Amino acid sequence: MKKAAATCAPDGQLIFVTFSTGSNLKMTAMKKVTFVVTMVTLFAVFYQVAPHIGIAERYTYFMFFLSPFPVLYMGYVILKYGKPSGNTFDEQFYDDWDYRRNGKEEME
């Protein structure tokens, strides 16, 4: 029988899961954000594909009415555990691309 114990750090940022086999699995807050975003995206893709693969309409309707809850939870997880950018919009126009603003982008 395998035993598992989970503990959270006082700040809630780090989760340790220890299995009886001796392996340790660390899940940081950003990994949690990535996991939730991935699962909600897969839910949305499955919802879009469901009518084409023969899923009954009642299940797609159920998924449609259920869809706001995963999206709201994803937003909550991103706001709570997401890492904010260290740059302001005026310093760096795109956060994921190394592009510095030169002032020519200002609208007149």
PDB file of N, CA and C in Angstrom:
ATOM      1  N   MET A   1       0.837  -1.179   0.000  1.00  0.00           N
ATOM      2  CA  MET A   1       0.000   0.000   0.000  1.00  0.00           C
ATOM      3  C   MET A   1       0.883   1.244   0.000  1.00  0.00           C
ATOM      4  N   LYS A   2       0.617   2.128  -0.914  1.00  0.00           N
ATOM      5  CA  LYS A   2       1.385   3.357  -1.006  1.00  0.00           C
ATOM      6  C   LYS A   2       0.742   4.414  -0.123  1.00  0.00           C
ATOM      7  N   LYS A   3       1.581   5.175   0.556  1.00  0.00           N
ATOM      8  CA  LYS A   3       1.105   6.264   1.388  1.00  0.00           C
ATOM      9  C   LYS A   3       1.596   7.576   0.816  1.00  0.00           C
ATOM     10  N   ALA A   4       0.776   8.568   0.908  1.00  0.00           N
ATOM     11  CA  ALA A   4       1.159   9.893   0.426  1.00  0.00           C
ATOM     12  C   ALA A   4       0.818  10.913   1.494  1.00  0.00           C
ATOM     13  N   ALA A   5       1.709  11.868   1.686  1.00  0.00           N
ATOM     14  CA  ALA A   5       1.465  12.952   2.631  1.00  0.00           C
ATOM     15  C   ALA A   5       1.722  14.267   1.918  1.00  0.00           C
ATOM     16  N   ALA A   6       0.819  15.186   2.095  1.00  0.00           N
ATOM     17  CA  ALA A   6       0.958  16.495   1.463  1.00  0.00           C
ATOM     18  C   ALA A   6       0.963  17.568   2.536  1.00  0.00           C
ATOM     19  N   THR A   7       1.885  18.499   2.429  1.00  0.00           N
ATOM     20  CA  THR A   7       1.938  19.630   3.344  1.00  0.00           C
ATOM     21  C   THR A   7       2.128  20.898   2.538  1.00  0.00           C
ATOM     22  N   CYS A   8       1.583  21.962   3.035  1.00  0.00           N
ATOM     23  CA  CYS A   8       1.732  23.259   2.384  1.00  0.00           C
ATOM     24  C   CYS A   8       2.624  24.147   3.240  1.00  0.00           C
ATOM     25  N   ALA A   9       3.402  24.969   2.585  1.00  0.00           N
ATOM     26  CA  ALA A   9       4.203  25.955   3.291  1.00  0.00           C
ATOM     27  C   ALA A   9       3.258  26.993   3.898  1.00  0.00           C
ATOM     28  N   PRO A  10       3.686  27.695   4.950  1.00  0.00           N
ATOM     29  CA  PRO A  10       2.804  28.676   5.591  1.00  0.00           C
ATOM     30  C   PRO A  10       2.268  29.738   4.638  1.00  0.00           C
ATOM     31  N   ASP A  11       3.062  30.119   3.641  1.00  0.00           N
ATOM     32  CA  ASP A  11       2.593  31.135   2.705  1.00  0.00           C
ATOM     33  C   ASP A  11       1.778  30.534   1.567  1.00  0.00           C
ATOM     34  N   GLY A  12       1.645  29.210   1.500  1.00  0.00           N
ATOM     35  CA  GLY A  12       0.841  28.558   0.479  1.00  0.00           C
ATOM     36  C   GLY A  12       1.502  28.514  -0.890  1.00  0.00           C
ATOM     37  N   GLN A  13       2.770  28.825  -0.995  1.00  0.00           N
ATOM     38  CA  GLN A  13       3.439  28.907  -2.276  1.00  0.00           C
ATOM     39  C   GLN A  13       4.088  27.599  -2.715  1.00  0.00           C
ATOM     40  N   LEU A  14       4.310  26.659  -1.823  1.00  0.00           N
ATOM     41  CA  LEU A  14       5.043  25.461  -2.180  1.00  0.00           C
ATOM     42  C   LEU A  14       4.346  24.254  -1.590  1.00  0.00           C
ATOM     43  N   ILE A  15       4.168  23.205  -2.386  1.00  0.00           N
ATOM     44  CA  ILE A  15       3.500  21.999  -1.935  1.00  0.00           C
ATOM     45  C   ILE A  15       4.490  20.856  -2.046  1.00  0.00           C
ATOM     46  N   PHE A  16       4.656  20.106  -0.975  1.00  0.00           N
ATOM     47  CA  PHE A  16       5.505  18.924  -0.982  1.00  0.00           C
ATOM     48  C   PHE A  16       4.619  17.691  -0.904  1.00  0.00           C
ATOM     49  N   VAL A  17       4.833  16.760  -1.800  1.00  0.00           N
ATOM     50  CA  VAL A  17       4.102  15.502  -1.778  1.00  0.00           C
ATOM     51  C   VAL A  17       5.143  14.403  -1.672  1.00  0.00           C
ATOM     52  N   THR A  18       5.050  13.591  -0.640  1.00  0.00           N
ATOM     53  CA  THR A  18       6.012  12.527  -0.420  1.00  0.00           C
ATOM     54  C   THR A  18       5.306  11.186  -0.550  1.00  0.00           C
ATOM     55  N   PHE A  19       5.808  10.327  -1.415  1.00  0.00           N
ATOM     56  CA  PHE A  19       5.241   9.005  -1.607  1.00  0.00           C
ATOM     57  C   PHE A  19       6.065   8.004  -0.817  1.00  0.00           C
ATOM     58  N   SER A  20       5.500   6.848  -0.573  1.00  0.00           N
ATOM     59  CA  SER A  20       6.192   5.821   0.200  1.00  0.00           C
ATOM     60  C   SER A  20       7.404   5.271  -0.541  1.00  0.00           C
ATOM     61  N   THR A  21       7.474   5.490  -1.850  1.00  0.00           N
ATOM     62  CA  THR A  21       8.614   5.002  -2.608  1.00  0.00           C
ATOM     63  C   THR A  21       9.864   5.846  -2.377  1.00  0.00           C
ATOM     64  N   GLY A  22       9.706   6.981  -1.693  1.00  0.00           N
ATOM     65  CA  GLY A  22      10.846   7.827  -1.389  1.00  0.00           C
ATOM     66  C   GLY A  22      11.031   8.971  -2.365  1.00  0.00           C
ATOM     67  N   SER A  23      10.218   9.060  -3.395  1.00  0.00           N
ATOM     68  CA  SER A  23      10.374  10.152  -4.353  1.00  0.00           C
ATOM     69  C   SER A  23       9.670  11.397  -3.827  1.00  0.00           C
ATOM     70  N   ASN A  24      10.242  12.538  -4.102  1.00  0.00           N
ATOM     71  CA  ASN A  24       9.649  13.816  -3.708  1.00  0.00           C
ATOM     72  C   ASN A  24       9.217  14.564  -4.956  1.00  0.00           C
ATOM     73  N   LEU A  25       8.042  15.132  -4.885  1.00  0.00           N
ATOM     74  CA  LEU A  25       7.514  15.899  -6.004  1.00  0.00           C
ATOM     75  C   LEU A  25       7.233  17.296  -5.484  1.00  0.00           C
ATOM     76  N   LYS A  26       7.902  18.282  -6.060  1.00  0.00           N
ATOM     77  CA  LYS A  26       7.699  19.664  -5.649  1.00  0.00           C
ATOM     78  C   LYS A  26       6.861  20.363  -6.699  1.00  0.00           C
ATOM     79  N   MET A  27       5.855  21.088  -6.234  1.00  0.00           N
ATOM     80  CA  MET A  27       5.005  21.825  -7.159  1.00  0.00           C
ATOM     81  C   MET A  27       5.012  23.277  -6.718  1.00  0.00           C
ATOM     82  N   THR A  28       5.646  24.108  -7.499  1.00  0.00           N
ATOM     83  CA  THR A  28       5.691  25.519  -7.169  1.00  0.00           C
ATOM     84  C   THR A  28       4.423  26.201  -7.644  1.00  0.00           C
ATOM     85  N   ALA A  29       4.268  27.438  -7.255  1.00  0.00           N
ATOM     86  CA  ALA A  29       3.069  28.190  -7.618  1.00  0.00           C
ATOM     87  C   ALA A  29       2.970  28.370  -9.129  1.00  0.00           C
ATOM     88  N   MET A  30       4.085  28.636  -9.809  1.00  0.00           N
ATOM     89  CA  MET A  30       4.029  28.831 -11.254  1.00  0.00           C
ATOM     90  C   MET A  30       3.677  27.534 -11.970  1.00  0.00           C
ATOM     91  N   LYS A  31       4.109  26.396 -11.429  1.00  0.00           N
ATOM     92  CA  LYS A  31       3.717  25.132 -12.028  1.00  0.00           C
ATOM     93  C   LYS A  31       2.220  24.921 -11.849  1.00  0.00           C
ATOM     94  N   LYS A  32       1.681  25.380 -10.726  1.00  0.00           N
ATOM     95  CA  LYS A  32       0.241  25.273 -10.511  1.00  0.00           C
ATOM     96  C   LYS A  32      -0.501  26.133 -11.531  1.00  0.00           C
ATOM     97  N   VAL A  33      -0.008  27.333 -11.777  1.00  0.00           N
ATOM     98  CA  VAL A  33      -0.625  28.213 -12.772  1.00  0.00           C
ATOM     99  C   VAL A  33      -0.567  27.558 -14.143  1.00  0.00           C
ATOM    100  N   THR A  34       0.564  27.025 -14.505  1.00  0.00           N
ATOM    101  CA  THR A  34       0.717  26.374 -15.806  1.00  0.00           C
ATOM    102  C   THR A  34      -0.218  25.183 -15.928  1.00  0.00           C
ATOM    103  N   PHE A  35      -0.345  24.399 -14.874  1.00  0.00           N
ATOM    104  CA  PHE A  35      -1.222  23.236 -14.891  1.00  0.00           C
ATOM    105  C   PHE A  35      -2.677  23.656 -15.081  1.00  0.00           C
ATOM    106  N   VAL A  36      -3.130  24.661 -14.334  1.00  0.00           N
ATOM    107  CA  VAL A  36      -4.516  25.102 -14.429  1.00  0.00           C
ATOM    108  C   VAL A  36      -4.803  25.694 -15.811  1.00  0.00           C
ATOM    109  N   VAL A  37      -3.901  26.513 -16.312  1.00  0.00           N
ATOM    110  CA  VAL A  37      -4.098  27.096 -17.647  1.00  0.00           C
ATOM    111  C   VAL A  37      -4.142  25.992 -18.707  1.00  0.00           C
ATOM    112  N   THR A  38      -3.295  24.992 -18.584  1.00  0.00           N
ATOM    113  CA  THR A  38      -3.290  23.880 -19.533  1.00  0.00           C
ATOM    114  C   THR A  38      -4.599  23.101 -19.481  1.00  0.00           C
ATOM    115  N   MET A  39      -5.091  22.805 -18.273  1.00  0.00           N
ATOM    116  CA  MET A  39      -6.329  22.037 -18.138  1.00  0.00           C
ATOM    117  C   MET A  39      -7.537  22.814 -18.678  1.00  0.00           C
ATOM    118  N   VAL A  40      -7.610  24.101 -18.406  1.00  0.00           N
ATOM    119  CA  VAL A  40      -8.726  24.900 -18.899  1.00  0.00           C
ATOM    120  C   VAL A  40      -8.649  25.026 -20.423  1.00  0.00           C
ATOM    121  N   THR A  41      -7.456  25.140 -20.956  1.00  0.00           N
ATOM    122  CA  THR A  41      -7.293  25.188 -22.408  1.00  0.00           C
ATOM    123  C   THR A  41      -7.716  23.870 -23.050  1.00  0.00           C
ATOM    124  N   LEU A  42      -7.341  22.755 -22.451  1.00  0.00           N
ATOM    125  CA  LEU A  42      -7.762  21.453 -22.971  1.00  0.00           C
ATOM    126  C   LEU A  42      -9.274  21.294 -22.883  1.00  0.00           C
ATOM    127  N   PHE A  43      -9.885  21.795 -21.827  1.00  0.00           N
ATOM    128  CA  PHE A  43     -11.347  21.789 -21.712  1.00  0.00           C
ATOM    129  C   PHE A  43     -11.970  22.566 -22.856  1.00  0.00           C
ATOM    130  N   ALA A  44     -11.427  23.742 -23.148  1.00  0.00           N
ATOM    131  CA  ALA A  44     -11.963  24.570 -24.233  1.00  0.00           C
ATOM    132  C   ALA A  44     -11.771  23.898 -25.593  1.00  0.00           C
ATOM    133  N   VAL A  45     -10.625  23.279 -25.815  1.00  0.00           N
ATOM    134  CA  VAL A  45     -10.383  22.588 -27.081  1.00  0.00           C
ATOM    135  C   VAL A  45     -11.323  21.399 -27.213  1.00  0.00           C
ATOM    136  N   PHE A  46     -11.504  20.651 -26.134  1.00  0.00           N
ATOM    137  CA  PHE A  46     -12.418  19.513 -26.179  1.00  0.00           C
ATOM    138  C   PHE A  46     -13.845  19.982 -26.439  1.00  0.00           C
ATOM    139  N   TYR A  47     -14.232  21.100 -25.862  1.00  0.00           N
ATOM    140  CA  TYR A  47     -15.567  21.657 -26.106  1.00  0.00           C
ATOM    141  C   TYR A  47     -15.745  22.010 -27.582  1.00  0.00           C
ATOM    142  N   GLN A  48     -14.718  22.567 -28.189  1.00  0.00           N
ATOM    143  CA  GLN A  48     -14.804  22.942 -29.601  1.00  0.00           C
ATOM    144  C   GLN A  48     -14.843  21.729 -30.523  1.00  0.00           C
ATOM    145  N   VAL A  49     -14.171  20.655 -30.129  1.00  0.00           N
ATOM    146  CA  VAL A  49     -14.077  19.461 -30.961  1.00  0.00           C
ATOM    147  C   VAL A  49     -15.257  18.518 -30.718  1.00  0.00           C
ATOM    148  N   ALA A  50     -15.920  18.620 -29.583  1.00  0.00           N
ATOM    149  CA  ALA A  50     -16.964  17.670 -29.175  1.00  0.00           C
ATOM    150  C   ALA A  50     -18.047  17.447 -30.227  1.00  0.00           C
ATOM    151  N   PRO A  51     -18.604  18.468 -30.842  1.00  0.00           N
ATOM    152  CA  PRO A  51     -19.647  18.192 -31.846  1.00  0.00           C
ATOM    153  C   PRO A  51     -19.130  17.432 -33.073  1.00  0.00           C
ATOM    154  N   HIS A  52     -17.868  17.584 -33.377  1.00  0.00           N
ATOM    155  CA  HIS A  52     -17.301  16.960 -34.575  1.00  0.00           C
ATOM    156  C   HIS A  52     -16.906  15.508 -34.360  1.00  0.00           C
ATOM    157  N   ILE A  53     -16.788  15.097 -33.100  1.00  0.00           N
ATOM    158  CA  ILE A  53     -16.400  13.703 -32.834  1.00  0.00           C
ATOM    159  C   ILE A  53     -17.585  12.881 -32.342  1.00  0.00           C
ATOM    160  N   GLY A  54     -18.781  13.462 -32.410  1.00  0.00           N
ATOM    161  CA  GLY A  54     -19.980  12.701 -32.115  1.00  0.00           C
ATOM    162  C   GLY A  54     -20.442  12.725 -30.671  1.00  0.00           C
ATOM    163  N   ILE A  55     -20.000  13.683 -29.889  1.00  0.00           N
ATOM    164  CA  ILE A  55     -20.479  13.815 -28.513  1.00  0.00           C
ATOM    165  C   ILE A  55     -21.911  14.352 -28.563  1.00  0.00           C
ATOM    166  N   ALA A  56     -22.785  13.795 -27.735  1.00  0.00           N
ATOM    167  CA  ALA A  56     -24.189  14.201 -27.735  1.00  0.00           C
ATOM    168  C   ALA A  56     -24.328  15.678 -27.377  1.00  0.00           C
ATOM    169  N   GLU A  57     -25.376  16.296 -27.932  1.00  0.00           N
ATOM    170  CA  GLU A  57     -25.594  17.731 -27.707  1.00  0.00           C
ATOM    171  C   GLU A  57     -25.789  18.071 -26.240  1.00  0.00           C
ATOM    172  N   ARG A  58     -26.446  17.201 -25.504  1.00  0.00           N
ATOM    173  CA  ARG A  58     -26.696  17.515 -24.092  1.00  0.00           C
ATOM    174  C   ARG A  58     -25.390  17.649 -23.314  1.00  0.00           C
ATOM    175  N   TYR A  59     -24.360  16.877 -23.704  1.00  0.00           N
ATOM    176  CA  TYR A  59     -23.064  16.999 -23.031  1.00  0.00           C
ATOM    177  C   TYR A  59     -22.353  18.290 -23.425  1.00  0.00           C
ATOM    178  N   THR A  60     -22.498  18.698 -24.678  1.00  0.00           N
ATOM    179  CA  THR A  60     -21.894  19.972 -25.071  1.00  0.00           C
ATOM    180  C   THR A  60     -22.612  21.140 -24.411  1.00  0.00           C
ATOM    181  N   TYR A  61     -23.943  21.028 -24.252  1.00  0.00           N
ATOM    182  CA  TYR A  61     -24.671  22.065 -23.512  1.00  0.00           C
ATOM    183  C   TYR A  61     -24.214  22.112 -22.057  1.00  0.00           C
ATOM    184  N   PHE A  62     -24.031  20.940 -21.466  1.00  0.00           N
ATOM    185  CA  PHE A  62     -23.538  20.887 -20.086  1.00  0.00           C
ATOM    186  C   PHE A  62     -22.157  21.529 -19.981  1.00  0.00           C
ATOM    187  N   MET A  63     -21.279  21.232 -20.932  1.00  0.00           N
ATOM    188  CA  MET A  63     -19.951  21.838 -20.933  1.00  0.00           C
ATOM    189  C   MET A  63     -20.039  23.349 -21.124  1.00  0.00           C
ATOM    190  N   PHE A  64     -20.991  23.795 -21.955  1.00  0.00           N
ATOM    191  CA  PHE A  64     -21.173  25.224 -22.174  1.00  0.00           C
ATOM    192  C   PHE A  64     -21.573  25.925 -20.878  1.00  0.00           C
ATOM    193  N   PHE A  65     -22.527  25.349 -20.152  1.00  0.00           N
ATOM    194  CA  PHE A  65     -22.970  25.969 -18.899  1.00  0.00           C
ATOM    195  C   PHE A  65     -21.935  25.823 -17.791  1.00  0.00           C
ATOM    196  N   LEU A  66     -21.070  24.816 -17.879  1.00  0.00           N
ATOM    197  CA  LEU A  66     -20.020  24.615 -16.892  1.00  0.00           C
ATOM    198  C   LEU A  66     -18.796  25.491 -17.168  1.00  0.00           C
ATOM    199  N   SER A  67     -18.627  25.940 -18.403  1.00  0.00           N
ATOM    200  CA  SER A  67     -17.396  26.612 -18.826  1.00  0.00           C
ATOM    201  C   SER A  67     -17.031  27.881 -18.049  1.00  0.00           C
ATOM    202  N   PRO A  68     -17.960  28.696 -17.553  1.00  0.00           N
ATOM    203  CA  PRO A  68     -17.507  29.878 -16.811  1.00  0.00           C
ATOM    204  C   PRO A  68     -16.734  29.547 -15.535  1.00  0.00           C
ATOM    205  N   PHE A  69     -17.025  28.431 -14.918  1.00  0.00           N
ATOM    206  CA  PHE A  69     -16.383  28.100 -13.647  1.00  0.00           C
ATOM    207  C   PHE A  69     -14.899  27.780 -13.795  1.00  0.00           C
ATOM    208  N   PRO A  70     -14.478  26.945 -14.760  1.00  0.00           N
ATOM    209  CA  PRO A  70     -13.032  26.765 -14.927  1.00  0.00           C
ATOM    210  C   PRO A  70     -12.312  28.049 -15.334  1.00  0.00           C
ATOM    211  N   VAL A  71     -12.967  28.871 -16.143  1.00  0.00           N
ATOM    212  CA  VAL A  71     -12.332  30.122 -16.575  1.00  0.00           C
ATOM    213  C   VAL A  71     -12.181  31.073 -15.387  1.00  0.00           C
ATOM    214  N   LEU A  72     -13.195  31.166 -14.552  1.00  0.00           N
ATOM    215  CA  LEU A  72     -13.090  32.009 -13.355  1.00  0.00           C
ATOM    216  C   LEU A  72     -12.025  31.478 -12.399  1.00  0.00           C
ATOM    217  N   TYR A  73     -11.970  30.158 -12.234  1.00  0.00           N
ATOM    218  CA  TYR A  73     -10.948  29.577 -11.366  1.00  0.00           C
ATOM    219  C   TYR A  73      -9.551  29.831 -11.933  1.00  0.00           C
ATOM    220  N   MET A  74      -9.407  29.740 -13.251  1.00  0.00           N
ATOM    221  CA  MET A  74      -8.118  30.024 -13.874  1.00  0.00           C
ATOM    222  C   MET A  74      -7.703  31.470 -13.613  1.00  0.00           C
ATOM    223  N   GLY A  75      -8.636  32.389 -13.746  1.00  0.00           N
ATOM    224  CA  GLY A  75      -8.328  33.784 -13.444  1.00  0.00           C
ATOM    225  C   GLY A  75      -7.928  33.977 -11.992  1.00  0.00           C
ATOM    226  N   TYR A  76      -8.611  33.295 -11.085  1.00  0.00           N
ATOM    227  CA  TYR A  76      -8.266  33.374  -9.662  1.00  0.00           C
ATOM    228  C   TYR A  76      -6.854  32.852  -9.411  1.00  0.00           C
ATOM    229  N   VAL A  77      -6.523  31.702  -9.993  1.00  0.00           N
ATOM    230  CA  VAL A  77      -5.192  31.114  -9.789  1.00  0.00           C
ATOM    231  C   VAL A  77      -4.115  32.018 -10.375  1.00  0.00           C
ATOM    232  N   ILE A  78      -4.359  32.592 -11.535  1.00  0.00           N
ATOM    233  CA  ILE A  78      -3.371  33.486 -12.147  1.00  0.00           C
ATOM    234  C   ILE A  78      -3.162  34.720 -11.280  1.00  0.00           C
ATOM    235  N   LEU A  79      -4.245  35.298 -10.782  1.00  0.00           N
ATOM    236  CA  LEU A  79      -4.112  36.498  -9.950  1.00  0.00           C
ATOM    237  C   LEU A  79      -3.482  36.193  -8.602  1.00  0.00           C
ATOM    238  N   LYS A  80      -3.764  35.030  -8.032  1.00  0.00           N
ATOM    239  CA  LYS A  80      -3.238  34.699  -6.714  1.00  0.00           C
ATOM    240  C   LYS A  80      -1.800  34.198  -6.772  1.00  0.00           C
ATOM    241  N   TYR A  81      -1.491  33.312  -7.719  1.00  0.00           N
ATOM    242  CA  TYR A  81      -0.181  32.659  -7.757  1.00  0.00           C
ATOM    243  C   TYR A  81       0.711  33.116  -8.898  1.00  0.00           C
ATOM    244  N   GLY A  82       0.196  33.896  -9.810  1.00  0.00           N
ATOM    245  CA  GLY A  82       0.992  34.336 -10.956  1.00  0.00           C
ATOM    246  C   GLY A  82       2.092  35.291 -10.547  1.00  0.00           C
ATOM    247  N   LYS A  83       3.127  35.322 -11.329  1.00  0.00           N
ATOM    248  CA  LYS A  83       4.266  36.189 -11.056  1.00  0.00           C
ATOM    249  C   LYS A  83       4.107  37.474 -11.858  1.00  0.00           C
ATOM    250  N   PRO A  84       3.994  38.609 -11.192  1.00  0.00           N
ATOM    251  CA  PRO A  84       3.840  39.862 -11.939  1.00  0.00           C
ATOM    252  C   PRO A  84       5.132  40.251 -12.649  1.00  0.00           C
ATOM    253  N   SER A  85       4.982  41.015 -13.686  1.00  0.00           N
ATOM    254  CA  SER A  85       6.130  41.471 -14.447  1.00  0.00           C
ATOM    255  C   SER A  85       6.932  42.484 -13.629  1.00  0.00           C
ATOM    256  N   GLY A  86       8.215  42.454 -13.809  1.00  0.00           N
ATOM    257  CA  GLY A  86       9.074  43.418 -13.137  1.00  0.00           C
ATOM    258  C   GLY A  86       9.187  44.734 -13.883  1.00  0.00           C
ATOM    259  N   ASN A  87       8.641  44.796 -15.086  1.00  0.00           N
ATOM    260  CA  ASN A  87       8.735  45.992 -15.922  1.00  0.00           C
ATOM    261  C   ASN A  87       7.388  46.686 -16.010  1.00  0.00           C
ATOM    262  N   THR A  88       7.429  47.977 -16.214  1.00  0.00           N
ATOM    263  CA  THR A  88       6.202  48.716 -16.463  1.00  0.00           C
ATOM    264  C   THR A  88       5.958  48.753 -17.966  1.00  0.00           C
ATOM    265  N   PHE A  89       4.781  49.175 -18.358  1.00  0.00           N
ATOM    266  CA  PHE A  89       4.442  49.254 -19.777  1.00  0.00           C
ATOM    267  C   PHE A  89       5.313  50.290 -20.476  1.00  0.00           C
ATOM    268  N   ASP A  90       5.661  51.357 -19.782  1.00  0.00           N
ATOM    269  CA  ASP A  90       6.502  52.389 -20.382  1.00  0.00           C
ATOM    270  C   ASP A  90       7.948  51.928 -20.547  1.00  0.00           C
ATOM    271  N   GLU A  91       8.416  51.039 -19.674  1.00  0.00           N
ATOM    272  CA  GLU A  91       9.790  50.560 -19.779  1.00  0.00           C
ATOM    273  C   GLU A  91       9.949  49.526 -20.889  1.00  0.00           C
ATOM    274  N   GLN A  92       9.073  48.564 -20.927  1.00  0.00           N
ATOM    275  CA  GLN A  92       9.178  47.486 -21.904  1.00  0.00           C
ATOM    276  C   GLN A  92       7.796  47.227 -22.474  1.00  0.00           C
ATOM    277  N   PHE A  93       7.664  47.468 -23.768  1.00  0.00           N
ATOM    278  CA  PHE A  93       6.368  47.408 -24.433  1.00  0.00           C
ATOM    279  C   PHE A  93       5.795  45.998 -24.405  1.00  0.00           C
ATOM    280  N   TYR A  94       6.586  45.005 -24.835  1.00  0.00           N
ATOM    281  CA  TYR A  94       6.183  43.610 -24.792  1.00  0.00           C
ATOM    282  C   TYR A  94       6.983  42.934 -23.699  1.00  0.00           C
ATOM    283  N   ASP A  95       6.305  42.262 -22.793  1.00  0.00           N
ATOM    284  CA  ASP A  95       7.013  41.628 -21.686  1.00  0.00           C
ATOM    285  C   ASP A  95       7.704  40.335 -22.121  1.00  0.00           C
ATOM    286  N   ASP A  96       7.181  39.675 -23.132  1.00  0.00           N
ATOM    287  CA  ASP A  96       7.775  38.414 -23.558  1.00  0.00           C
ATOM    288  C   ASP A  96       8.758  38.564 -24.715  1.00  0.00           C
ATOM    289  N   TRP A  97       9.011  39.777 -25.134  1.00  0.00           N
ATOM    290  CA  TRP A  97       9.949  40.027 -26.229  1.00  0.00           C
ATOM    291  C   TRP A  97      10.825  41.193 -25.810  1.00  0.00           C
ATOM    292  N   ASP A  98      12.106  41.104 -26.013  1.00  0.00           N
ATOM    293  CA  ASP A  98      13.035  42.137 -25.554  1.00  0.00           C
ATOM    294  C   ASP A  98      12.960  43.346 -26.479  1.00  0.00           C
ATOM    295  N   TYR A  99      11.943  44.166 -26.282  1.00  0.00           N
ATOM    296  CA  TYR A  99      11.744  45.365 -27.087  1.00  0.00           C
ATOM    297  C   TYR A  99      11.575  46.539 -26.143  1.00  0.00           C
ATOM    298  N   ARG A 100      12.463  47.473 -26.224  1.00  0.00           N
ATOM    299  CA  ARG A 100      12.392  48.676 -25.382  1.00  0.00           C
ATOM    300  C   ARG A 100      11.672  49.779 -26.133  1.00  0.00           C
ATOM    301  N   ARG A 101      10.854  50.492 -25.433  1.00  0.00           N
ATOM    302  CA  ARG A 101      10.127  51.600 -26.053  1.00  0.00           C
ATOM    303  C   ARG A 101      11.097  52.733 -26.350  1.00  0.00           C
ATOM    304  N   ASN A 102      10.914  53.366 -27.487  1.00  0.00           N
ATOM    305  CA  ASN A 102      11.804  54.467 -27.850  1.00  0.00           C
ATOM    306  C   ASN A 102      11.059  55.783 -27.947  1.00  0.00           C
ATOM    307  N   GLY A 103       9.778  55.812 -27.573  1.00  0.00           N
ATOM    308  CA  GLY A 103       9.025  57.060 -27.571  1.00  0.00           C
ATOM    309  C   GLY A 103       8.270  57.336 -28.847  1.00  0.00           C
ATOM    310  N   LYS A 104       8.581  56.624 -29.930  1.00  0.00           N
ATOM    311  CA  LYS A 104       7.893  56.853 -31.203  1.00  0.00           C
ATOM    312  C   LYS A 104       6.525  56.191 -31.231  1.00  0.00           C
ATOM    313  N   GLU A 105       6.252  55.348 -30.225  1.00  0.00           N
ATOM    314  CA  GLU A 105       4.968  54.632 -30.191  1.00  0.00           C
ATOM    315  C   GLU A 105       3.847  55.519 -29.666  1.00  0.00           C
ATOM    316  N   GLU A 106       4.179  56.666 -29.109  1.00  0.00           N
ATOM    317  CA  GLU A 106       3.165  57.532 -28.521  1.00  0.00           C
ATOM    318  C   GLU A 106       2.195  58.036 -29.573  1.00  0.00           C
ATOM    319  N   MET A 107       0.936  58.035 -29.237  1.00  0.00           N
ATOM    320  CA  MET A 107      -0.074  58.534 -30.160  1.00  0.00           C
ATOM    321  C   MET A 107      -0.209  60.047 -29.996  1.00  0.00           C
ATOM    322  N   GLU A 108      -0.446  60.715 -31.077  1.00  0.00           N
ATOM    323  CA  GLU A 108      -0.549  62.171 -31.033  1.00  0.00           C
ATOM    324  C   GLU A 108      -1.977  62.614 -30.966  1.00  0.00           C
TER     325      GLU A 108
END
